[in-house]
PDB file of N, CA and C in Angstrom:
ATOM      1  N   UNK A   1     -31.792 -32.719 -42.307  1.00  0.00           N
ATOM      2  CA  UNK A   1     -31.613 -31.323 -42.072  1.00  0.00           C
ATOM      3  C   UNK A   1     -30.380 -31.108 -41.205  1.00  0.00           C
ATOM      4  N   UNK A   2     -29.538 -30.220 -41.579  1.00  0.00           N
ATOM      5  CA  UNK A   2     -28.333 -29.961 -40.823  1.00  0.00           C
ATOM      6  C   UNK A   2     -28.477 -28.635 -40.084  1.00  0.00           C
ATOM      7  N   UNK A   3     -27.946 -28.609 -38.884  1.00  0.00           N
ATOM      8  CA  UNK A   3     -27.968 -27.364 -38.125  1.00  0.00           C
ATOM      9  C   UNK A   3     -26.568 -26.775 -38.126  1.00  0.00           C
ATOM     10  N   UNK A   4     -26.541 -25.519 -38.371  1.00  0.00           N
ATOM     11  CA  UNK A   4     -25.247 -24.821 -38.404  1.00  0.00           C
ATOM     12  C   UNK A   4     -25.076 -24.051 -37.100  1.00  0.00           C
ATOM     13  N   UNK A   5     -24.004 -24.357 -36.361  1.00  0.00           N
ATOM     14  CA  UNK A   5     -23.713 -23.672 -35.107  1.00  0.00           C
ATOM     15  C   UNK A   5     -22.727 -22.547 -35.390  1.00  0.00           C
ATOM     16  N   UNK A   6     -23.108 -21.313 -35.084  1.00  0.00           N
ATOM     17  CA  UNK A   6     -22.171 -20.206 -35.324  1.00  0.00           C
ATOM     18  C   UNK A   6     -20.931 -20.341 -34.440  1.00  0.00           C
ATOM     19  N   UNK A   7     -19.842 -19.826 -34.940  1.00  0.00           N
ATOM     20  CA  UNK A   7     -18.574 -19.912 -34.218  1.00  0.00           C
ATOM     21  C   UNK A   7     -18.505 -18.788 -33.180  1.00  0.00           C
ATOM     22  N   UNK A   8     -19.200 -18.990 -32.052  1.00  0.00           N
ATOM     23  CA  UNK A   8     -19.265 -17.973 -31.006  1.00  0.00           C
ATOM     24  C   UNK A   8     -17.949 -17.790 -30.276  1.00  0.00           C
ATOM     25  N   UNK A   9     -17.142 -18.821 -30.197  1.00  0.00           N
ATOM     26  CA  UNK A   9     -15.905 -18.699 -29.428  1.00  0.00           C
ATOM     27  C   UNK A   9     -14.951 -17.694 -30.071  1.00  0.00           C
ATOM     28  N   UNK A  10     -14.872 -17.657 -31.400  1.00  0.00           N
ATOM     29  CA  UNK A  10     -13.992 -16.705 -32.066  1.00  0.00           C
ATOM     30  C   UNK A  10     -14.520 -15.280 -31.887  1.00  0.00           C
ATOM     31  N   UNK A  11     -15.820 -15.104 -32.067  1.00  0.00           N
ATOM     32  CA  UNK A  11     -16.422 -13.783 -31.902  1.00  0.00           C
ATOM     33  C   UNK A  11     -16.240 -13.292 -30.466  1.00  0.00           C
ATOM     34  N   UNK A  12     -16.445 -14.187 -29.550  1.00  0.00           N
ATOM     35  CA  UNK A  12     -16.293 -13.822 -28.132  1.00  0.00           C
ATOM     36  C   UNK A  12     -14.848 -13.433 -27.825  1.00  0.00           C
ATOM     37  N   UNK A  13     -13.902 -14.180 -28.364  1.00  0.00           N
ATOM     38  CA  UNK A  13     -12.485 -13.879 -28.144  1.00  0.00           C
ATOM     39  C   UNK A  13     -12.136 -12.488 -28.684  1.00  0.00           C
ATOM     40  N   UNK A  14     -12.577 -12.185 -29.894  1.00  0.00           N
ATOM     41  CA  UNK A  14     -12.275 -10.886 -30.501  1.00  0.00           C
ATOM     42  C   UNK A  14     -12.927  -9.755 -29.694  1.00  0.00           C
ATOM     43  N   UNK A  15     -14.160  -9.974 -29.266  1.00  0.00           N
ATOM     44  CA  UNK A  15     -14.874  -8.968 -28.480  1.00  0.00           C
ATOM     45  C   UNK A  15     -14.170  -8.707 -27.147  1.00  0.00           C
ATOM     46  N   UNK A  16     -13.795  -9.764 -26.430  1.00  0.00           N
ATOM     47  CA  UNK A  16     -13.118  -9.609 -25.143  1.00  0.00           C
ATOM     48  C   UNK A  16     -11.734  -8.988 -25.294  1.00  0.00           C
ATOM     49  N   UNK A  17     -11.040  -9.324 -26.366  1.00  0.00           N
ATOM     50  CA  UNK A  17      -9.720  -8.738 -26.611  1.00  0.00           C
ATOM     51  C   UNK A  17      -9.840  -7.234 -26.846  1.00  0.00           C
ATOM     52  N   UNK A  18     -10.829  -6.828 -27.646  1.00  0.00           N
ATOM     53  CA  UNK A  18     -11.028  -5.400 -27.918  1.00  0.00           C
ATOM     54  C   UNK A  18     -11.390  -4.646 -26.640  1.00  0.00           C
ATOM     55  N   UNK A  19     -12.253  -5.228 -25.839  1.00  0.00           N
ATOM     56  CA  UNK A  19     -12.641  -4.595 -24.576  1.00  0.00           C
ATOM     57  C   UNK A  19     -11.438  -4.494 -23.641  1.00  0.00           C
ATOM     58  N   UNK A  20     -10.648  -5.559 -23.576  1.00  0.00           N
ATOM     59  CA  UNK A  20      -9.463  -5.561 -22.716  1.00  0.00           C
ATOM     60  C   UNK A  20      -8.451  -4.511 -23.121  1.00  0.00           C
ATOM     61  N   UNK A  21      -8.225  -4.368 -24.415  1.00  0.00           N
ATOM     62  CA  UNK A  21      -7.283  -3.357 -24.891  1.00  0.00           C
ATOM     63  C   UNK A  21      -7.786  -1.941 -24.638  1.00  0.00           C
ATOM     64  N   UNK A  22      -9.088  -1.755 -24.734  1.00  0.00           N
ATOM     65  CA  UNK A  22      -9.655  -0.426 -24.519  1.00  0.00           C
ATOM     66  C   UNK A  22      -9.645  -0.022 -23.047  1.00  0.00           C
ATOM     67  N   UNK A  23      -9.784  -0.994 -22.144  1.00  0.00           N
ATOM     68  CA  UNK A  23      -9.862  -0.674 -20.712  1.00  0.00           C
ATOM     69  C   UNK A  23      -8.538  -0.798 -19.976  1.00  0.00           C
ATOM     70  N   UNK A  24      -7.509  -1.295 -20.602  1.00  0.00           N
ATOM     71  CA  UNK A  24      -6.216  -1.505 -19.935  1.00  0.00           C
ATOM     72  C   UNK A  24      -5.654  -0.230 -19.296  1.00  0.00           C
ATOM     73  N   UNK A  25      -5.651   0.918 -19.977  1.00  0.00           N
ATOM     74  CA  UNK A  25      -5.111   2.125 -19.330  1.00  0.00           C
ATOM     75  C   UNK A  25      -5.893   2.539 -18.085  1.00  0.00           C
ATOM     76  N   UNK A  26      -7.203   2.352 -18.109  1.00  0.00           N
ATOM     77  CA  UNK A  26      -8.025   2.709 -16.956  1.00  0.00           C
ATOM     78  C   UNK A  26      -7.803   1.755 -15.793  1.00  0.00           C
ATOM     79  N   UNK A  27      -7.643   0.484 -16.095  1.00  0.00           N
ATOM     80  CA  UNK A  27      -7.402  -0.505 -15.044  1.00  0.00           C
ATOM     81  C   UNK A  27      -6.078  -0.225 -14.346  1.00  0.00           C
ATOM     82  N   UNK A  28      -5.067   0.163 -15.093  1.00  0.00           N
ATOM     83  CA  UNK A  28      -3.774   0.480 -14.507  1.00  0.00           C
ATOM     84  C   UNK A  28      -3.890   1.662 -13.545  1.00  0.00           C
ATOM     85  N   UNK A  29      -4.646   2.661 -13.928  1.00  0.00           N
ATOM     86  CA  UNK A  29      -4.824   3.833 -13.063  1.00  0.00           C
ATOM     87  C   UNK A  29      -5.586   3.477 -11.792  1.00  0.00           C
ATOM     88  N   UNK A  30      -6.570   2.608 -11.914  1.00  0.00           N
ATOM     89  CA  UNK A  30      -7.375   2.228 -10.752  1.00  0.00           C
ATOM     90  C   UNK A  30      -6.634   1.302  -9.789  1.00  0.00           C
ATOM     91  N   UNK A  31      -5.776   0.460 -10.313  1.00  0.00           N
ATOM     92  CA  UNK A  31      -5.107  -0.543  -9.491  1.00  0.00           C
ATOM     93  C   UNK A  31      -3.695  -0.167  -9.069  1.00  0.00           C
ATOM     94  N   UNK A  32      -3.261   1.036  -9.391  1.00  0.00           N
ATOM     95  CA  UNK A  32      -1.881   1.412  -9.103  1.00  0.00           C
ATOM     96  C   UNK A  32      -1.598   1.573  -7.624  1.00  0.00           C
ATOM     97  N   UNK A  33      -2.594   1.892  -6.811  1.00  0.00           N
ATOM     98  CA  UNK A  33      -2.409   2.014  -5.366  1.00  0.00           C
ATOM     99  C   UNK A  33      -1.473   3.145  -4.982  1.00  0.00           C
ATOM    100  N   UNK A  34      -1.672   4.299  -5.512  1.00  0.00           N
ATOM    101  CA  UNK A  34      -0.800   5.423  -5.214  1.00  0.00           C
ATOM    102  C   UNK A  34      -0.953   5.874  -3.772  1.00  0.00           C
ATOM    103  N   UNK A  35       0.132   6.366  -3.208  1.00  0.00           N
ATOM    104  CA  UNK A  35       0.129   6.791  -1.807  1.00  0.00           C
ATOM    105  C   UNK A  35      -0.650   8.088  -1.609  1.00  0.00           C
ATOM    106  N   UNK A  36      -0.848   8.852  -2.652  1.00  0.00           N
ATOM    107  CA  UNK A  36      -1.553  10.113  -2.522  1.00  0.00           C
ATOM    108  C   UNK A  36      -2.989   9.952  -2.049  1.00  0.00           C
ATOM    109  N   UNK A  37      -3.589   8.819  -2.339  1.00  0.00           N
ATOM    110  CA  UNK A  37      -4.985   8.598  -1.968  1.00  0.00           C
ATOM    111  C   UNK A  37      -5.114   7.960  -0.587  1.00  0.00           C
ATOM    112  N   UNK A  38      -4.017   7.551   0.003  1.00  0.00           N
ATOM    113  CA  UNK A  38      -4.060   6.875   1.297  1.00  0.00           C
ATOM    114  C   UNK A  38      -4.243   7.891   2.425  1.00  0.00           C
ATOM    115  N   UNK A  39      -4.709   7.405   3.548  1.00  0.00           N
ATOM    116  CA  UNK A  39      -4.918   8.272   4.707  1.00  0.00           C
ATOM    117  C   UNK A  39      -3.849   8.000   5.760  1.00  0.00           C
ATOM    118  N   UNK A  40      -3.637   8.979   6.605  1.00  0.00           N
ATOM    119  CA  UNK A  40      -2.665   8.851   7.690  1.00  0.00           C
ATOM    120  C   UNK A  40      -3.229   7.967   8.803  1.00  0.00           C
ATOM    121  N   UNK A  41      -2.362   7.200   9.411  1.00  0.00           N
ATOM    122  CA  UNK A  41      -2.746   6.395  10.573  1.00  0.00           C
ATOM    123  C   UNK A  41      -2.854   7.316  11.776  1.00  0.00           C
ATOM    124  N   UNK A  42      -3.907   7.165  12.517  1.00  0.00           N
ATOM    125  CA  UNK A  42      -4.091   7.941  13.737  1.00  0.00           C
ATOM    126  C   UNK A  42      -3.527   7.146  14.912  1.00  0.00           C
ATOM    127  N   UNK A  43      -2.974   7.828  15.875  1.00  0.00           N
ATOM    128  CA  UNK A  43      -2.453   7.144  17.068  1.00  0.00           C
ATOM    129  C   UNK A  43      -3.569   6.468  17.849  1.00  0.00           C
ATOM    130  N   UNK A  44      -4.800   6.899  17.634  1.00  0.00           N
ATOM    131  CA  UNK A  44      -5.941   6.299  18.332  1.00  0.00           C
ATOM    132  C   UNK A  44      -6.553   5.127  17.566  1.00  0.00           C
ATOM    133  N   UNK A  45      -6.055   4.845  16.376  1.00  0.00           N
ATOM    134  CA  UNK A  45      -6.514   3.698  15.604  1.00  0.00           C
ATOM    135  C   UNK A  45      -6.237   2.438  16.435  1.00  0.00           C
ATOM    136  N   UNK A  46      -7.188   1.488  16.496  1.00  0.00           N
ATOM    137  CA  UNK A  46      -6.997   0.303  17.349  1.00  0.00           C
ATOM    138  C   UNK A  46      -5.694  -0.461  17.070  1.00  0.00           C
ATOM    139  N   UNK A  47      -5.349  -0.638  15.805  1.00  0.00           N
ATOM    140  CA  UNK A  47      -4.104  -1.343  15.476  1.00  0.00           C
ATOM    141  C   UNK A  47      -2.889  -0.519  15.890  1.00  0.00           C
ATOM    142  N   UNK A  48      -2.952   0.787  15.680  1.00  0.00           N
ATOM    143  CA  UNK A  48      -1.848   1.665  16.063  1.00  0.00           C
ATOM    144  C   UNK A  48      -1.662   1.660  17.577  1.00  0.00           C
ATOM    145  N   UNK A  49      -2.759   1.671  18.300  1.00  0.00           N
ATOM    146  CA  UNK A  49      -2.691   1.635  19.763  1.00  0.00           C
ATOM    147  C   UNK A  49      -2.074   0.323  20.237  1.00  0.00           C
ATOM    148  N   UNK A  50      -2.483  -0.787  19.625  1.00  0.00           N
ATOM    149  CA  UNK A  50      -1.955  -2.099  20.006  1.00  0.00           C
ATOM    150  C   UNK A  50      -0.453  -2.202  19.745  1.00  0.00           C
ATOM    151  N   UNK A  51       0.025  -1.513  18.699  1.00  0.00           N
ATOM    152  CA  UNK A  51       1.450  -1.556  18.363  1.00  0.00           C
ATOM    153  C   UNK A  51       2.233  -0.401  18.966  1.00  0.00           C
ATOM    154  N   UNK A  52       1.583   0.430  19.762  1.00  0.00           N
ATOM    155  CA  UNK A  52       2.270   1.544  20.409  1.00  0.00           C
ATOM    156  C   UNK A  52       2.768   2.588  19.425  1.00  0.00           C
ATOM    157  N   UNK A  53       2.059   2.764  18.291  1.00  0.00           N
ATOM    158  CA  UNK A  53       2.483   3.732  17.271  1.00  0.00           C
ATOM    159  C   UNK A  53       2.419   5.156  17.803  1.00  0.00           C
ATOM    160  N   UNK A  54       3.488   5.884  17.545  1.00  0.00           N
ATOM    161  CA  UNK A  54       3.555   7.313  17.854  1.00  0.00           C
ATOM    162  C   UNK A  54       4.040   8.029  16.595  1.00  0.00           C
ATOM    163  N   UNK A  55       3.364   9.101  16.219  1.00  0.00           N
ATOM    164  CA  UNK A  55       3.766   9.871  15.044  1.00  0.00           C
ATOM    165  C   UNK A  55       5.108  10.558  15.267  1.00  0.00           C
ATOM    166  N   UNK A  56       5.454  10.779  16.526  1.00  0.00           N
ATOM    167  CA  UNK A  56       6.748  11.360  16.899  1.00  0.00           C
ATOM    168  C   UNK A  56       7.492  10.296  17.712  1.00  0.00           C
ATOM    169  N   UNK A  57       8.520   9.706  17.121  1.00  0.00           N
ATOM    170  CA  UNK A  57       9.236   8.601  17.755  1.00  0.00           C
ATOM    171  C   UNK A  57       9.818   8.971  19.117  1.00  0.00           C
ATOM    172  N   UNK A  58      10.130  10.229  19.329  1.00  0.00           N
ATOM    173  CA  UNK A  58      10.709  10.628  20.614  1.00  0.00           C
ATOM    174  C   UNK A  58       9.710  10.489  21.759  1.00  0.00           C
ATOM    175  N   UNK A  59       8.430  10.388  21.446  1.00  0.00           N
ATOM    176  CA  UNK A  59       7.392  10.238  22.469  1.00  0.00           C
ATOM    177  C   UNK A  59       7.014   8.782  22.723  1.00  0.00           C
ATOM    178  N   UNK A  60       7.661   7.856  22.013  1.00  0.00           N
ATOM    179  CA  UNK A  60       7.372   6.433  22.182  1.00  0.00           C
ATOM    180  C   UNK A  60       8.126   5.911  23.401  1.00  0.00           C
ATOM    181  N   UNK A  61       7.394   5.482  24.407  1.00  0.00           N
ATOM    182  CA  UNK A  61       7.989   5.042  25.674  1.00  0.00           C
ATOM    183  C   UNK A  61       8.783   3.741  25.545  1.00  0.00           C
ATOM    184  N   UNK A  62       8.346   2.838  24.657  1.00  0.00           N
ATOM    185  CA  UNK A  62       8.998   1.528  24.531  1.00  0.00           C
ATOM    186  C   UNK A  62      10.178   1.529  23.569  1.00  0.00           C
ATOM    187  N   UNK A  63      10.435   2.598  22.907  1.00  0.00           N
ATOM    188  CA  UNK A  63      11.538   2.685  21.932  1.00  0.00           C
ATOM    189  C   UNK A  63      12.865   2.734  22.678  1.00  0.00           C
ATOM    190  N   UNK A  64      13.775   1.825  22.332  1.00  0.00           N
ATOM    191  CA  UNK A  64      15.080   1.761  22.990  1.00  0.00           C
ATOM    192  C   UNK A  64      16.219   2.231  22.077  1.00  0.00           C
ATOM    193  N   UNK A  65      16.044   2.127  20.770  1.00  0.00           N
ATOM    194  CA  UNK A  65      17.067   2.531  19.806  1.00  0.00           C
ATOM    195  C   UNK A  65      16.758   3.943  19.320  1.00  0.00           C
ATOM    196  N   UNK A  66      17.649   4.868  19.546  1.00  0.00           N
ATOM    197  CA  UNK A  66      17.424   6.268  19.184  1.00  0.00           C
ATOM    198  C   UNK A  66      17.311   6.467  17.670  1.00  0.00           C
ATOM    199  N   UNK A  67      17.849   5.538  16.877  1.00  0.00           N
ATOM    200  CA  UNK A  67      17.774   5.663  15.414  1.00  0.00           C
ATOM    201  C   UNK A  67      16.532   4.993  14.837  1.00  0.00           C
ATOM    202  N   UNK A  68      15.759   4.324  15.663  1.00  0.00           N
ATOM    203  CA  UNK A  68      14.571   3.603  15.202  1.00  0.00           C
ATOM    204  C   UNK A  68      13.435   4.578  14.911  1.00  0.00           C
ATOM    205  N   UNK A  69      13.095   4.703  13.639  1.00  0.00           N
ATOM    206  CA  UNK A  69      11.975   5.527  13.189  1.00  0.00           C
ATOM    207  C   UNK A  69      11.342   4.826  11.987  1.00  0.00           C
ATOM    208  N   UNK A  70      10.133   5.201  11.668  1.00  0.00           N
ATOM    209  CA  UNK A  70       9.450   4.582  10.530  1.00  0.00           C
ATOM    210  C   UNK A  70      10.288   4.667   9.247  1.00  0.00           C
ATOM    211  N   UNK A  71      10.967   5.790   9.040  1.00  0.00           N
ATOM    212  CA  UNK A  71      11.757   5.964   7.818  1.00  0.00           C
ATOM    213  C   UNK A  71      12.903   4.963   7.703  1.00  0.00           C
ATOM    214  N   UNK A  72      13.330   4.370   8.821  1.00  0.00           N
ATOM    215  CA  UNK A  72      14.404   3.382   8.784  1.00  0.00           C
ATOM    216  C   UNK A  72      13.876   1.960   9.000  1.00  0.00           C
ATOM    217  N   UNK A  73      12.559   1.795   8.894  1.00  0.00           N
ATOM    218  CA  UNK A  73      11.920   0.490   9.118  1.00  0.00           C
ATOM    219  C   UNK A  73      11.781  -0.287   7.807  1.00  0.00           C
ATOM    220  N   UNK A  74      11.899  -1.591   7.904  1.00  0.00           N
ATOM    221  CA  UNK A  74      11.766  -2.463   6.743  1.00  0.00           C
ATOM    222  C   UNK A  74      10.357  -2.428   6.150  1.00  0.00           C
ATOM    223  N   UNK A  75       9.351  -2.111   6.937  1.00  0.00           N
ATOM    224  CA  UNK A  75       7.964  -2.108   6.468  1.00  0.00           C
ATOM    225  C   UNK A  75       7.543  -0.782   5.834  1.00  0.00           C
ATOM    226  N   UNK A  76       8.373   0.233   5.976  1.00  0.00           N
ATOM    227  CA  UNK A  76       8.094   1.573   5.446  1.00  0.00           C
ATOM    228  C   UNK A  76       8.550   1.643   4.001  1.00  0.00           C
ATOM    229  N   UNK A  77       7.670   2.102   3.110  1.00  0.00           N
ATOM    230  CA  UNK A  77       8.046   2.173   1.693  1.00  0.00           C
ATOM    231  C   UNK A  77       7.953   3.594   1.135  1.00  0.00           C
ATOM    232  N   UNK A  78       8.021   4.584   2.003  1.00  0.00           N
ATOM    233  CA  UNK A  78       8.002   5.971   1.565  1.00  0.00           C
ATOM    234  C   UNK A  78       9.356   6.379   0.982  1.00  0.00           C
ATOM    235  N   UNK A  79       9.349   7.458   0.247  1.00  0.00           N
ATOM    236  CA  UNK A  79      10.579   7.964  -0.357  1.00  0.00           C
ATOM    237  C   UNK A  79      11.377   8.750   0.679  1.00  0.00           C
ATOM    238  N   UNK A  80      12.688   8.717   0.534  1.00  0.00           N
ATOM    239  CA  UNK A  80      13.577   9.439   1.448  1.00  0.00           C
ATOM    240  C   UNK A  80      13.289  10.935   1.385  1.00  0.00           C
ATOM    241  N   UNK A  81      13.226  11.554   2.541  1.00  0.00           N
ATOM    242  CA  UNK A  81      13.003  12.989   2.622  1.00  0.00           C
ATOM    243  C   UNK A  81      11.546  13.408   2.706  1.00  0.00           C
ATOM    244  N   UNK A  82      10.616  12.501   2.476  1.00  0.00           N
ATOM    245  CA  UNK A  82       9.193  12.841   2.578  1.00  0.00           C
ATOM    246  C   UNK A  82       8.741  12.761   4.030  1.00  0.00           C
ATOM    247  N   UNK A  83       7.725  13.522   4.378  1.00  0.00           N
ATOM    248  CA  UNK A  83       7.236  13.578   5.756  1.00  0.00           C
ATOM    249  C   UNK A  83       6.458  12.325   6.149  1.00  0.00           C
ATOM    250  N   UNK A  84       5.897  11.616   5.170  1.00  0.00           N
ATOM    251  CA  UNK A  84       5.135  10.399   5.457  1.00  0.00           C
ATOM    252  C   UNK A  84       5.237   9.438   4.277  1.00  0.00           C
ATOM    253  N   UNK A  85       4.811   8.200   4.533  1.00  0.00           N
ATOM    254  CA  UNK A  85       4.840   7.194   3.478  1.00  0.00           C
ATOM    255  C   UNK A  85       4.023   5.982   3.870  1.00  0.00           C
ATOM    256  N   UNK A  86       3.776   5.075   2.920  1.00  0.00           N
ATOM    257  CA  UNK A  86       2.985   3.880   3.191  1.00  0.00           C
ATOM    258  C   UNK A  86       3.718   2.892   4.094  1.00  0.00           C
ATOM    259  N   UNK A  87       2.932   2.157   4.877  1.00  0.00           N
ATOM    260  CA  UNK A  87       3.482   1.139   5.769  1.00  0.00           C
ATOM    261  C   UNK A  87       2.741  -0.173   5.546  1.00  0.00           C
ATOM    262  N   UNK A  88       3.488  -1.262   5.356  1.00  0.00           N
ATOM    263  CA  UNK A  88       2.884  -2.576   5.135  1.00  0.00           C
ATOM    264  C   UNK A  88       2.143  -3.078   6.372  1.00  0.00           C
ATOM    265  N   UNK A  89       2.591  -2.713   7.538  1.00  0.00           N
ATOM    266  CA  UNK A  89       1.942  -3.147   8.783  1.00  0.00           C
ATOM    267  C   UNK A  89       0.542  -2.548   8.900  1.00  0.00           C
ATOM    268  N   UNK A  90       0.407  -1.301   8.507  1.00  0.00           N
ATOM    269  CA  UNK A  90      -0.877  -0.610   8.616  1.00  0.00           C
ATOM    270  C   UNK A  90      -1.657  -0.659   7.314  1.00  0.00           C
ATOM    271  N   UNK A  91      -1.535  -1.743   6.581  1.00  0.00           N
ATOM    272  CA  UNK A  91      -2.291  -2.022   5.362  1.00  0.00           C
ATOM    273  C   UNK A  91      -2.224  -0.897   4.343  1.00  0.00           C
ATOM    274  N   UNK A  92      -1.018  -0.375   4.142  1.00  0.00           N
ATOM    275  CA  UNK A  92      -0.807   0.647   3.136  1.00  0.00           C
ATOM    276  C   UNK A  92      -1.189   2.052   3.549  1.00  0.00           C
ATOM    277  N   UNK A  93      -1.617   2.251   4.771  1.00  0.00           N
ATOM    278  CA  UNK A  93      -1.913   3.607   5.237  1.00  0.00           C
ATOM    279  C   UNK A  93      -0.599   4.358   5.409  1.00  0.00           C
ATOM    280  N   UNK A  94      -0.696   5.670   5.429  1.00  0.00           N
ATOM    281  CA  UNK A  94       0.496   6.489   5.593  1.00  0.00           C
ATOM    282  C   UNK A  94       0.864   6.632   7.065  1.00  0.00           C
ATOM    283  N   UNK A  95       2.155   6.584   7.330  1.00  0.00           N
ATOM    284  CA  UNK A  95       2.675   6.820   8.674  1.00  0.00           C
ATOM    285  C   UNK A  95       3.697   7.943   8.594  1.00  0.00           C
ATOM    286  N   UNK A  96       3.925   8.599   9.689  1.00  0.00           N
ATOM    287  CA  UNK A  96       4.915   9.666   9.744  1.00  0.00           C
ATOM    288  C   UNK A  96       6.310   9.053   9.599  1.00  0.00           C
ATOM    289  N   UNK A  97       7.157   9.673   8.792  1.00  0.00           N
ATOM    290  CA  UNK A  97       8.528   9.196   8.630  1.00  0.00           C
ATOM    291  C   UNK A  97       9.279   9.250   9.954  1.00  0.00           C
ATOM    292  N   UNK A  98       8.877  10.164  10.836  1.00  0.00           N
ATOM    293  CA  UNK A  98       9.505  10.309  12.148  1.00  0.00           C
ATOM    294  C   UNK A  98       8.782   9.516  13.229  1.00  0.00           C
ATOM    295  N   UNK A  99       7.845   8.664  12.832  1.00  0.00           N
ATOM    296  CA  UNK A  99       7.086   7.866  13.788  1.00  0.00           C
ATOM    297  C   UNK A  99       7.803   6.587  14.177  1.00  0.00           C
ATOM    298  N   UNK A 100       7.124   5.789  15.024  1.00  0.00           N
ATOM    299  CA  UNK A 100       7.693   4.520  15.497  1.00  0.00           C
ATOM    300  C   UNK A 100       6.570   3.644  16.049  1.00  0.00           C
ATOM    301  N   UNK A 101       6.732   2.318  15.935  1.00  0.00           N
ATOM    302  CA  UNK A 101       5.829   1.370  16.596  1.00  0.00           C
ATOM    303  C   UNK A 101       6.636   0.129  16.970  1.00  0.00           C
ATOM    304  N   UNK A 102       6.038  -0.752  17.750  1.00  0.00           N
ATOM    305  CA  UNK A 102       6.758  -1.935  18.237  1.00  0.00           C
ATOM    306  C   UNK A 102       7.054  -2.946  17.138  1.00  0.00           C
ATOM    307  N   UNK A 103       6.457  -2.796  15.968  1.00  0.00           N
ATOM    308  CA  UNK A 103       6.742  -3.705  14.848  1.00  0.00           C
ATOM    309  C   UNK A 103       7.991  -3.275  14.074  1.00  0.00           C
ATOM    310  N   UNK A 104       8.640  -2.205  14.514  1.00  0.00           N
ATOM    311  CA  UNK A 104       9.813  -1.677  13.790  1.00  0.00           C
ATOM    312  C   UNK A 104      10.865  -2.766  13.604  1.00  0.00           C
ATOM    313  N   UNK A 105      11.347  -2.866  12.352  1.00  0.00           N
ATOM    314  CA  UNK A 105      12.434  -3.785  12.001  1.00  0.00           C
ATOM    315  C   UNK A 105      13.394  -3.042  11.087  1.00  0.00           C
ATOM    316  N   UNK A 106      14.652  -3.062  11.431  1.00  0.00           N
ATOM    317  CA  UNK A 106      15.655  -2.302  10.691  1.00  0.00           C
ATOM    318  C   UNK A 106      15.731  -2.761   9.234  1.00  0.00           C
ATOM    319  N   UNK A 107      15.795  -1.773   8.335  1.00  0.00           N
ATOM    320  CA  UNK A 107      15.950  -2.077   6.908  1.00  0.00           C
ATOM    321  C   UNK A 107      17.313  -2.731   6.685  1.00  0.00           C
ATOM    322  N   UNK A 108      17.340  -3.763   5.841  1.00  0.00           N
ATOM    323  CA  UNK A 108      18.644  -4.374   5.534  1.00  0.00           C
ATOM    324  C   UNK A 108      19.523  -3.389   4.766  1.00  0.00           C
ATOM    325  N   UNK A 109      20.782  -3.446   5.014  1.00  0.00           N
ATOM    326  CA  UNK A 109      21.728  -2.516   4.375  1.00  0.00           C
ATOM    327  C   UNK A 109      22.016  -2.852   2.942  1.00  0.00           C
TER     328      UNK A 109
END
């Protein structure tokens, strides 16, 4: 007596491919990480406090460079002219473009 084993690997491949193609647009929307859904960093946030973050750079006591602001920082990825943008230091949270913290590093020219 011979036993016939169905070819499950081919069926499984076709099924997973169809599911992947159907869900690809939704996955892109979910994983895009848009800044619109992010929240602003509060000056009272423990990490912000530790880094001396101020939403208004002119109020930062440790700031020595008058041009140093979040908008000119290497970690800031907001668009020019916007009031706020994402910051890599604050795990993608939004910071004020006119803000400052001790992690500030000048953007390369």
